[in-house]
Every structure is written in C-alpha cells, then in structure tokens.
Amino acid sequence: MMKKARKWIILGFLPAIFIGFLVWIYRPPLEIGGVYRSDDRESVVVEIGNSGYLPIKVRDVSINDGDAPTKVNVQVSHALQGIIITKNYEDEESKKYQFRSLQDVAIQTGTDPKKTLEKFDDGSVTEEDLIYGLSVLHSTPITEVTITYSYLGMSFHKTVSIP
C-alpha cells in the first residue's frame, strides 16, 4: 500500500516539475535598457538585450498602436562606445556606428542592459560587452514602440512607452 502511494506522489510531482522547467526556459528574455529620443520624438532608440539561453530574433517593429515606422535598424555596438540617436544614418558621426537591418541581427545571450550597466559602474566593462539599440524613425512623434520577436520558436511582443 505504501509503495503505491509513493508511486502516485512521484507521478504527481513529475508534471509539476516539467511545467516549472518549461516556464523557466520559456520566460520572455528580451530586456529593455535605456529609451532615448530626439526632442521632436521622430527618432527613438530603445536599448535591448537578451537574458535568455539562446539568441533572440527581432521579427517586426511597430509604433503608435500598430503603425509601420519609416525606418528601423539595429545598432550593434559595445558598451564603451555606446549608441547614437540620429535621424541621418549617413552623416559623419553616425558612420562610426553599425546600423544593420532587423533580418541581419540576432540578439546574443548575455546582453542584458542592466548587467552591462552594473559592469560599467564597477569598471569591468570591455569592448567584448555587446549592446544593441533598436533605432526607429518616423515622420510624426513616436509615443510607443512594439517589438515582436521570436525565441525558442515562440513569438513574443513587448511594448515600450516613449517618455
């Protein structure tokens, strides 16, 4: 009788452990750092990073309740260089930064902006510490940015309000 009860208790815990593991693995890993904008709000940069275990792929970006922005790029930089807010990706200052299309960039693991900021504060940040800035341009003020991304074959959305 005791062996049967132990068997059922163990079988009862297995699904709970499995579900807990899935929740831990599948938690949305896109992290938001700083949000920067031009004075007229027509140029916005959202610092993004990945706290997950595999790369993230940004699939789409929309603004202001579903509108398509005029232009979207991802800045790939390192923490010592930073990111730039600009409306002109071709001017001399902007040429110092890497602007890539969404399709060409996977947000690598270990790029959580909060952890990078901690490393910056304690003086241990290096050029190996990648940072990503989602650069969004539009002809009217941007009030929010919605990022659609995939991770482990699942699609997620994250909306960021622009102050």
N, C-alpha and C. Protein backbone atom coordinates (compact mmCIF):
# COMPACT_ATOMS: atom_id res chain seq x y z
N MET A 1 0.83 -1.20 0.00
CA MET A 1 0.00 0.00 0.00
C MET A 1 0.87 1.26 0.00
N MET A 2 1.92 1.24 0.82
CA MET A 2 2.81 2.40 0.92
C MET A 2 3.56 2.65 -0.38
N LYS A 3 3.96 1.57 -1.08
CA LYS A 3 4.68 1.72 -2.34
C LYS A 3 3.78 2.35 -3.40
N LYS A 4 2.49 2.00 -3.41
CA LYS A 4 1.56 2.59 -4.37
C LYS A 4 1.38 4.08 -4.11
N ALA A 5 1.27 4.46 -2.86
CA ALA A 5 1.10 5.88 -2.53
C ALA A 5 2.34 6.67 -2.94
N ARG A 6 3.51 6.13 -2.69
CA ARG A 6 4.75 6.81 -3.07
C ARG A 6 4.83 6.96 -4.60
N LYS A 7 4.42 5.91 -5.30
CA LYS A 7 4.42 5.96 -6.77
C LYS A 7 3.52 7.09 -7.28
N TRP A 8 2.32 7.22 -6.71
CA TRP A 8 1.38 8.26 -7.15
C TRP A 8 1.89 9.66 -6.76
N ILE A 9 2.54 9.77 -5.64
CA ILE A 9 3.11 11.07 -5.25
C ILE A 9 4.21 11.47 -6.22
N ILE A 10 5.06 10.54 -6.56
CA ILE A 10 6.15 10.83 -7.51
C ILE A 10 5.57 11.18 -8.87
N LEU A 11 4.59 10.40 -9.34
CA LEU A 11 3.96 10.69 -10.63
C LEU A 11 3.23 12.03 -10.61
N GLY A 12 2.73 12.44 -9.47
CA GLY A 12 2.08 13.74 -9.35
C GLY A 12 3.06 14.90 -9.42
N PHE A 13 4.27 14.69 -8.89
CA PHE A 13 5.28 15.75 -8.90
C PHE A 13 5.97 15.91 -10.26
N LEU A 14 6.06 14.87 -11.04
CA LEU A 14 6.74 14.95 -12.33
C LEU A 14 6.13 16.01 -13.26
N PRO A 15 4.81 16.05 -13.45
CA PRO A 15 4.26 17.11 -14.30
C PRO A 15 4.52 18.51 -13.73
N ALA A 16 4.46 18.64 -12.41
CA ALA A 16 4.71 19.96 -11.81
C ALA A 16 6.16 20.40 -12.07
N ILE A 17 7.09 19.47 -11.94
CA ILE A 17 8.50 19.79 -12.21
C ILE A 17 8.68 20.14 -13.68
N PHE A 18 8.05 19.37 -14.57
CA PHE A 18 8.15 19.62 -16.01
C PHE A 18 7.57 20.98 -16.37
N ILE A 19 6.41 21.31 -15.85
CA ILE A 19 5.79 22.61 -16.13
C ILE A 19 6.65 23.74 -15.58
N GLY A 20 7.18 23.57 -14.39
CA GLY A 20 8.09 24.58 -13.83
C GLY A 20 9.31 24.79 -14.70
N PHE A 21 9.86 23.70 -15.23
CA PHE A 21 11.02 23.79 -16.12
C PHE A 21 10.66 24.56 -17.39
N LEU A 22 9.50 24.28 -17.97
CA LEU A 22 9.08 24.98 -19.19
C LEU A 22 8.88 26.47 -18.94
N VAL A 23 8.28 26.82 -17.83
CA VAL A 23 8.09 28.24 -17.50
C VAL A 23 9.45 28.92 -17.35
N TRP A 24 10.38 28.24 -16.70
CA TRP A 24 11.72 28.80 -16.51
C TRP A 24 12.44 28.98 -17.85
N ILE A 25 12.35 28.02 -18.74
CA ILE A 25 13.02 28.08 -20.05
C ILE A 25 12.34 29.09 -20.96
N TYR A 26 11.00 29.12 -20.98
CA TYR A 26 10.26 29.92 -21.95
C TYR A 26 9.93 31.34 -21.49
N ARG A 27 10.44 31.78 -20.37
CA ARG A 27 10.13 33.15 -19.97
C ARG A 27 10.70 34.11 -21.02
N PRO A 28 9.96 35.12 -21.38
CA PRO A 28 10.41 36.05 -22.41
C PRO A 28 11.74 36.72 -22.02
N PRO A 29 12.79 36.54 -22.82
CA PRO A 29 14.11 37.01 -22.43
C PRO A 29 14.50 38.40 -22.93
N LEU A 30 13.65 39.07 -23.71
CA LEU A 30 14.02 40.40 -24.21
C LEU A 30 14.01 41.39 -23.06
N GLU A 31 15.14 42.04 -22.85
CA GLU A 31 15.27 43.03 -21.78
C GLU A 31 15.40 44.41 -22.39
N ILE A 32 14.78 45.39 -21.74
CA ILE A 32 14.82 46.78 -22.19
C ILE A 32 15.74 47.56 -21.25
N GLY A 33 16.65 48.31 -21.85
CA GLY A 33 17.53 49.18 -21.07
C GLY A 33 17.04 50.61 -21.18
N GLY A 34 17.91 51.49 -21.63
CA GLY A 34 17.54 52.89 -21.77
C GLY A 34 16.64 53.12 -22.98
N VAL A 35 15.84 54.16 -22.89
CA VAL A 35 14.99 54.60 -24.00
C VAL A 35 15.37 56.05 -24.27
N TYR A 36 15.81 56.32 -25.49
CA TYR A 36 16.33 57.65 -25.85
C TYR A 36 15.55 58.18 -27.04
N ARG A 37 15.40 59.50 -27.10
CA ARG A 37 14.63 60.08 -28.20
C ARG A 37 15.15 61.46 -28.55
N SER A 38 14.85 61.88 -29.77
CA SER A 38 15.13 63.25 -30.17
C SER A 38 14.07 64.15 -29.54
N ASP A 39 14.32 65.45 -29.55
CA ASP A 39 13.37 66.38 -28.95
C ASP A 39 11.99 66.32 -29.59
N ASP A 40 11.94 66.08 -30.90
CA ASP A 40 10.65 66.03 -31.60
C ASP A 40 10.03 64.62 -31.60
N ARG A 41 10.70 63.65 -30.98
CA ARG A 41 10.24 62.26 -30.85
C ARG A 41 10.13 61.53 -32.18
N GLU A 42 10.75 62.04 -33.23
CA GLU A 42 10.71 61.37 -34.52
C GLU A 42 11.85 60.37 -34.69
N SER A 43 12.80 60.40 -33.79
CA SER A 43 13.90 59.43 -33.75
C SER A 43 13.98 58.87 -32.34
N VAL A 44 13.90 57.54 -32.24
CA VAL A 44 13.90 56.87 -30.94
C VAL A 44 14.90 55.73 -30.99
N VAL A 45 15.60 55.52 -29.88
CA VAL A 45 16.47 54.35 -29.73
C VAL A 45 16.07 53.64 -28.44
N VAL A 46 15.76 52.36 -28.58
CA VAL A 46 15.42 51.52 -27.43
C VAL A 46 16.56 50.52 -27.26
N GLU A 47 17.23 50.60 -26.11
CA GLU A 47 18.32 49.66 -25.84
C GLU A 47 17.70 48.32 -25.48
N ILE A 48 18.11 47.26 -26.20
CA ILE A 48 17.57 45.92 -25.96
C ILE A 48 18.70 44.94 -25.68
N GLY A 49 18.36 43.86 -24.99
CA GLY A 49 19.33 42.81 -24.70
C GLY A 49 18.63 41.50 -24.46
N ASN A 50 19.42 40.48 -24.21
CA ASN A 50 18.90 39.12 -24.10
C ASN A 50 19.39 38.49 -22.80
N SER A 51 18.45 38.13 -21.93
CA SER A 51 18.78 37.43 -20.69
C SER A 51 18.50 35.94 -20.79
N GLY A 52 18.20 35.46 -22.00
CA GLY A 52 17.87 34.05 -22.20
C GLY A 52 19.09 33.19 -22.45
N TYR A 53 18.82 31.99 -22.96
CA TYR A 53 19.86 30.99 -23.17
C TYR A 53 20.22 30.79 -24.63
N LEU A 54 19.40 31.32 -25.53
CA LEU A 54 19.66 31.25 -26.97
C LEU A 54 19.40 32.63 -27.57
N PRO A 55 19.93 32.89 -28.77
CA PRO A 55 19.71 34.20 -29.40
C PRO A 55 18.23 34.50 -29.64
N ILE A 56 17.93 35.79 -29.67
CA ILE A 56 16.60 36.31 -29.97
C ILE A 56 16.63 36.89 -31.38
N LYS A 57 15.55 36.72 -32.11
CA LYS A 57 15.43 37.32 -33.44
C LYS A 57 14.27 38.32 -33.41
N VAL A 58 14.58 39.60 -33.64
CA VAL A 58 13.52 40.62 -33.74
C VAL A 58 12.88 40.46 -35.11
N ARG A 59 11.58 40.25 -35.13
CA ARG A 59 10.86 39.99 -36.38
C ARG A 59 10.18 41.23 -36.95
N ASP A 60 9.69 42.09 -36.05
CA ASP A 60 8.93 43.25 -36.54
C ASP A 60 8.93 44.33 -35.47
N VAL A 61 8.77 45.56 -35.92
CA VAL A 61 8.66 46.70 -35.02
C VAL A 61 7.51 47.56 -35.52
N SER A 62 6.61 47.92 -34.61
CA SER A 62 5.54 48.85 -34.96
C SER A 62 5.54 49.97 -33.93
N ILE A 63 4.88 51.05 -34.28
CA ILE A 63 4.83 52.22 -33.39
C ILE A 63 3.40 52.70 -33.25
N ASN A 64 3.15 53.45 -32.18
CA ASN A 64 1.88 54.18 -32.01
C ASN A 64 0.66 53.33 -32.36
N ASP A 65 0.45 52.25 -31.67
CA ASP A 65 -0.73 51.40 -31.87
C ASP A 65 -0.77 50.71 -33.24
N GLY A 66 0.38 50.23 -33.73
CA GLY A 66 0.37 49.39 -34.91
C GLY A 66 0.85 50.02 -36.20
N ASP A 67 1.22 51.28 -36.21
CA ASP A 67 1.72 51.90 -37.44
C ASP A 67 3.10 51.36 -37.78
N ALA A 68 3.41 51.36 -39.06
CA ALA A 68 4.75 50.96 -39.51
C ALA A 68 5.66 52.18 -39.46
N PRO A 69 6.82 52.08 -38.84
CA PRO A 69 7.75 53.21 -38.82
C PRO A 69 8.36 53.44 -40.20
N THR A 70 8.88 54.64 -40.40
CA THR A 70 9.53 54.97 -41.67
C THR A 70 10.77 54.12 -41.87
N LYS A 71 11.56 53.95 -40.80
CA LYS A 71 12.79 53.18 -40.89
C LYS A 71 13.11 52.55 -39.55
N VAL A 72 13.62 51.31 -39.59
CA VAL A 72 14.05 50.60 -38.38
C VAL A 72 15.39 49.94 -38.67
N ASN A 73 16.33 50.13 -37.77
CA ASN A 73 17.62 49.45 -37.84
C ASN A 73 18.02 49.04 -36.43
N VAL A 74 18.99 48.14 -36.37
CA VAL A 74 19.55 47.75 -35.09
C VAL A 74 20.99 48.24 -35.04
N GLN A 75 21.31 48.98 -34.01
CA GLN A 75 22.70 49.37 -33.78
C GLN A 75 23.37 48.24 -33.01
N VAL A 76 24.51 47.80 -33.48
CA VAL A 76 25.30 46.80 -32.79
C VAL A 76 26.58 47.50 -32.38
N SER A 77 26.82 47.57 -31.08
CA SER A 77 27.95 48.33 -30.58
C SER A 77 28.53 47.60 -29.37
N HIS A 78 29.44 48.25 -28.70
CA HIS A 78 29.94 47.73 -27.43
C HIS A 78 29.75 48.80 -26.37
N ALA A 79 29.77 48.37 -25.13
CA ALA A 79 29.40 49.25 -24.02
C ALA A 79 30.30 50.47 -23.89
N LEU A 80 31.55 50.38 -24.33
CA LEU A 80 32.44 51.53 -24.23
C LEU A 80 32.15 52.58 -25.30
N GLN A 81 31.61 52.16 -26.43
CA GLN A 81 31.26 53.11 -27.49
C GLN A 81 29.86 53.69 -27.30
N GLY A 82 28.92 52.86 -26.90
CA GLY A 82 27.55 53.32 -26.72
C GLY A 82 26.76 53.28 -28.00
N ILE A 83 25.62 53.95 -28.00
CA ILE A 83 24.73 54.03 -29.15
C ILE A 83 24.44 55.50 -29.42
N ILE A 84 23.90 55.79 -30.60
CA ILE A 84 23.67 57.16 -31.02
C ILE A 84 22.20 57.35 -31.40
N ILE A 85 21.69 58.54 -31.11
CA ILE A 85 20.36 58.93 -31.56
C ILE A 85 20.57 59.83 -32.76
N THR A 86 20.01 59.45 -33.89
CA THR A 86 20.20 60.24 -35.11
C THR A 86 19.02 60.04 -36.05
N LYS A 87 18.84 61.02 -36.92
CA LYS A 87 17.85 60.89 -37.98
C LYS A 87 18.53 60.60 -39.32
N ASN A 88 19.85 60.74 -39.34
CA ASN A 88 20.62 60.57 -40.57
C ASN A 88 21.70 59.53 -40.33
N TYR A 89 21.50 58.33 -40.85
CA TYR A 89 22.47 57.25 -40.65
C TYR A 89 23.73 57.43 -41.49
N GLU A 90 23.73 58.41 -42.38
CA GLU A 90 24.85 58.60 -43.30
C GLU A 90 25.79 59.75 -42.92
N ASP A 91 25.47 60.54 -41.89
CA ASP A 91 26.36 61.66 -41.55
C ASP A 91 27.64 61.13 -40.90
N GLU A 92 28.63 61.98 -40.77
CA GLU A 92 29.96 61.58 -40.29
C GLU A 92 29.91 60.93 -38.91
N GLU A 93 29.16 61.51 -38.00
CA GLU A 93 29.08 60.95 -36.64
C GLU A 93 28.43 59.57 -36.65
N SER A 94 27.37 59.40 -37.44
CA SER A 94 26.65 58.12 -37.49
C SER A 94 27.47 57.01 -38.13
N LYS A 95 28.38 57.36 -39.02
CA LYS A 95 29.20 56.34 -39.71
C LYS A 95 30.12 55.59 -38.75
N LYS A 96 30.31 56.12 -37.55
CA LYS A 96 31.15 55.45 -36.56
C LYS A 96 30.42 54.27 -35.91
N TYR A 97 29.11 54.15 -36.17
CA TYR A 97 28.27 53.14 -35.55
C TYR A 97 27.80 52.15 -36.61
N GLN A 98 27.48 50.94 -36.20
CA GLN A 98 26.99 49.90 -37.10
C GLN A 98 25.47 49.86 -37.07
N PHE A 99 24.85 50.21 -38.17
CA PHE A 99 23.40 50.11 -38.31
C PHE A 99 23.11 48.92 -39.22
N ARG A 100 22.33 47.96 -38.73
CA ARG A 100 22.02 46.76 -39.51
C ARG A 100 20.51 46.58 -39.59
N SER A 101 20.08 45.85 -40.60
CA SER A 101 18.65 45.58 -40.74
C SER A 101 18.23 44.53 -39.70
N LEU A 102 16.95 44.50 -39.41
CA LEU A 102 16.43 43.53 -38.44
C LEU A 102 16.78 42.10 -38.84
N GLN A 103 16.71 41.81 -40.14
CA GLN A 103 16.94 40.46 -40.62
C GLN A 103 18.38 40.00 -40.42
N ASP A 104 19.31 40.94 -40.31
CA ASP A 104 20.73 40.60 -40.22
C ASP A 104 21.25 40.45 -38.80
N VAL A 105 20.40 40.65 -37.81
CA VAL A 105 20.88 40.66 -36.42
C VAL A 105 20.11 39.68 -35.56
N ALA A 106 20.85 38.90 -34.79
CA ALA A 106 20.27 38.08 -33.72
C ALA A 106 20.83 38.64 -32.42
N ILE A 107 19.97 38.92 -31.46
CA ILE A 107 20.39 39.49 -30.19
C ILE A 107 21.01 38.35 -29.36
N GLN A 108 22.29 38.45 -29.14
CA GLN A 108 23.03 37.37 -28.48
C GLN A 108 22.72 37.29 -26.98
N THR A 109 23.00 36.15 -26.41
CA THR A 109 22.81 35.94 -24.98
C THR A 109 23.84 36.74 -24.18
N GLY A 110 23.52 36.96 -22.92
CA GLY A 110 24.45 37.68 -22.04
C GLY A 110 24.53 39.16 -22.33
N THR A 111 23.47 39.73 -22.91
CA THR A 111 23.49 41.15 -23.26
C THR A 111 22.40 41.94 -22.52
N ASP A 112 22.01 41.48 -21.37
CA ASP A 112 21.03 42.18 -20.55
C ASP A 112 21.58 43.58 -20.22
N PRO A 113 20.89 44.65 -20.62
CA PRO A 113 21.40 46.01 -20.37
C PRO A 113 21.65 46.32 -18.90
N LYS A 114 20.85 45.75 -18.01
CA LYS A 114 21.05 46.01 -16.58
C LYS A 114 22.39 45.44 -16.10
N LYS A 115 22.73 44.25 -16.57
CA LYS A 115 24.01 43.65 -16.18
C LYS A 115 25.18 44.40 -16.80
N THR A 116 25.01 44.87 -18.02
CA THR A 116 26.06 45.66 -18.67
C THR A 116 26.28 46.96 -17.91
N LEU A 117 25.20 47.59 -17.47
CA LEU A 117 25.31 48.82 -16.68
C LEU A 117 26.04 48.56 -15.37
N GLU A 118 25.75 47.44 -14.72
CA GLU A 118 26.45 47.08 -13.49
C GLU A 118 27.95 46.92 -13.75
N LYS A 119 28.30 46.28 -14.87
CA LYS A 119 29.72 46.12 -15.22
C LYS A 119 30.35 47.48 -15.50
N PHE A 120 29.60 48.36 -16.14
CA PHE A 120 30.10 49.70 -16.43
C PHE A 120 30.37 50.45 -15.12
N ASP A 121 29.44 50.33 -14.19
CA ASP A 121 29.57 51.02 -12.90
C ASP A 121 30.75 50.51 -12.08
N ASP A 122 31.01 49.19 -12.15
CA ASP A 122 32.13 48.67 -11.34
C ASP A 122 33.45 48.64 -12.11
N GLY A 123 33.45 49.16 -13.36
CA GLY A 123 34.70 49.29 -14.11
C GLY A 123 35.16 48.04 -14.81
N SER A 124 34.31 47.02 -14.92
CA SER A 124 34.74 45.77 -15.55
C SER A 124 34.23 45.60 -16.98
N VAL A 125 33.57 46.61 -17.53
CA VAL A 125 33.04 46.51 -18.89
C VAL A 125 34.19 46.59 -19.90
N THR A 126 34.04 45.85 -21.01
CA THR A 126 35.07 45.84 -22.05
C THR A 126 34.41 45.98 -23.42
N GLU A 127 35.23 46.00 -24.46
CA GLU A 127 34.71 46.05 -25.82
C GLU A 127 34.03 44.74 -26.21
N GLU A 128 34.20 43.71 -25.43
CA GLU A 128 33.54 42.42 -25.68
C GLU A 128 32.07 42.44 -25.26
N ASP A 129 31.68 43.42 -24.46
CA ASP A 129 30.30 43.53 -23.97
C ASP A 129 29.44 44.19 -25.03
N LEU A 130 28.72 43.36 -25.80
CA LEU A 130 27.87 43.88 -26.87
C LEU A 130 26.64 44.59 -26.32
N ILE A 131 26.22 45.64 -27.01
CA ILE A 131 24.95 46.31 -26.72
C ILE A 131 24.20 46.49 -28.03
N TYR A 132 22.89 46.54 -27.93
CA TYR A 132 22.03 46.67 -29.09
C TYR A 132 21.07 47.84 -28.87
N GLY A 133 20.93 48.67 -29.89
CA GLY A 133 19.97 49.76 -29.85
C GLY A 133 19.02 49.64 -31.03
N LEU A 134 17.75 49.55 -30.76
CA LEU A 134 16.74 49.49 -31.81
C LEU A 134 16.43 50.93 -32.22
N SER A 135 16.90 51.33 -33.41
CA SER A 135 16.73 52.70 -33.90
C SER A 135 15.47 52.77 -34.77
N VAL A 136 14.56 53.66 -34.39
CA VAL A 136 13.28 53.77 -35.07
C VAL A 136 13.09 55.22 -35.50
N LEU A 137 12.76 55.41 -36.78
CA LEU A 137 12.49 56.75 -37.32
C LEU A 137 11.06 56.81 -37.86
N HIS A 138 10.45 57.98 -37.71
CA HIS A 138 9.13 58.20 -38.28
C HIS A 138 8.93 59.70 -38.52
N SER A 139 7.97 60.02 -39.37
CA SER A 139 7.73 61.43 -39.73
C SER A 139 6.86 62.16 -38.73
N THR A 140 6.27 61.44 -37.79
CA THR A 140 5.48 62.05 -36.72
C THR A 140 6.02 61.55 -35.38
N PRO A 141 5.67 62.20 -34.28
CA PRO A 141 6.19 61.77 -32.98
C PRO A 141 5.84 60.32 -32.64
N ILE A 142 6.82 59.62 -32.08
CA ILE A 142 6.67 58.23 -31.67
C ILE A 142 6.34 58.22 -30.17
N THR A 143 5.22 57.60 -29.82
CA THR A 143 4.81 57.54 -28.41
C THR A 143 5.02 56.16 -27.79
N GLU A 144 5.06 55.12 -28.64
CA GLU A 144 5.35 53.78 -28.15
C GLU A 144 5.94 52.94 -29.28
N VAL A 145 6.74 51.96 -28.88
CA VAL A 145 7.36 51.03 -29.82
C VAL A 145 6.99 49.62 -29.37
N THR A 146 6.45 48.83 -30.31
CA THR A 146 6.13 47.43 -30.02
C THR A 146 7.09 46.55 -30.80
N ILE A 147 7.78 45.69 -30.06
CA ILE A 147 8.79 44.81 -30.64
C ILE A 147 8.22 43.40 -30.66
N THR A 148 8.19 42.80 -31.84
CA THR A 148 7.79 41.41 -31.99
C THR A 148 9.06 40.60 -32.24
N TYR A 149 9.26 39.57 -31.42
CA TYR A 149 10.49 38.79 -31.55
C TYR A 149 10.21 37.31 -31.33
N SER A 150 11.14 36.48 -31.76
CA SER A 150 10.98 35.04 -31.56
C SER A 150 12.12 34.51 -30.71
N TYR A 151 11.77 33.53 -29.89
CA TYR A 151 12.72 32.87 -29.01
C TYR A 151 12.25 31.44 -28.81
N LEU A 152 13.10 30.49 -29.07
CA LEU A 152 12.78 29.07 -28.96
C LEU A 152 11.53 28.71 -29.78
N GLY A 153 11.40 29.34 -30.94
CA GLY A 153 10.28 29.04 -31.82
C GLY A 153 8.96 29.67 -31.44
N MET A 154 8.96 30.45 -30.37
CA MET A 154 7.73 31.10 -29.93
C MET A 154 7.82 32.60 -30.21
N SER A 155 6.68 33.21 -30.47
CA SER A 155 6.63 34.64 -30.75
C SER A 155 6.19 35.41 -29.51
N PHE A 156 6.86 36.54 -29.26
CA PHE A 156 6.55 37.39 -28.12
C PHE A 156 6.43 38.83 -28.58
N HIS A 157 5.73 39.64 -27.81
CA HIS A 157 5.59 41.07 -28.07
C HIS A 157 5.96 41.82 -26.81
N LYS A 158 6.66 42.94 -26.99
CA LYS A 158 6.95 43.80 -25.85
C LYS A 158 6.73 45.24 -26.32
N THR A 159 5.93 45.99 -25.56
CA THR A 159 5.64 47.38 -25.89
C THR A 159 6.37 48.29 -24.91
N VAL A 160 7.02 49.30 -25.47
CA VAL A 160 7.79 50.25 -24.69
C VAL A 160 7.20 51.64 -24.89
N SER A 161 6.83 52.31 -23.82
CA SER A 161 6.33 53.68 -23.91
C SER A 161 7.52 54.62 -24.03
N ILE A 162 7.37 55.63 -24.85
CA ILE A 162 8.42 56.62 -25.06
C ILE A 162 8.09 57.86 -24.21
N PRO A 163 8.95 58.19 -23.26
CA PRO A 163 8.65 59.33 -22.37
C PRO A 163 8.70 60.67 -23.10
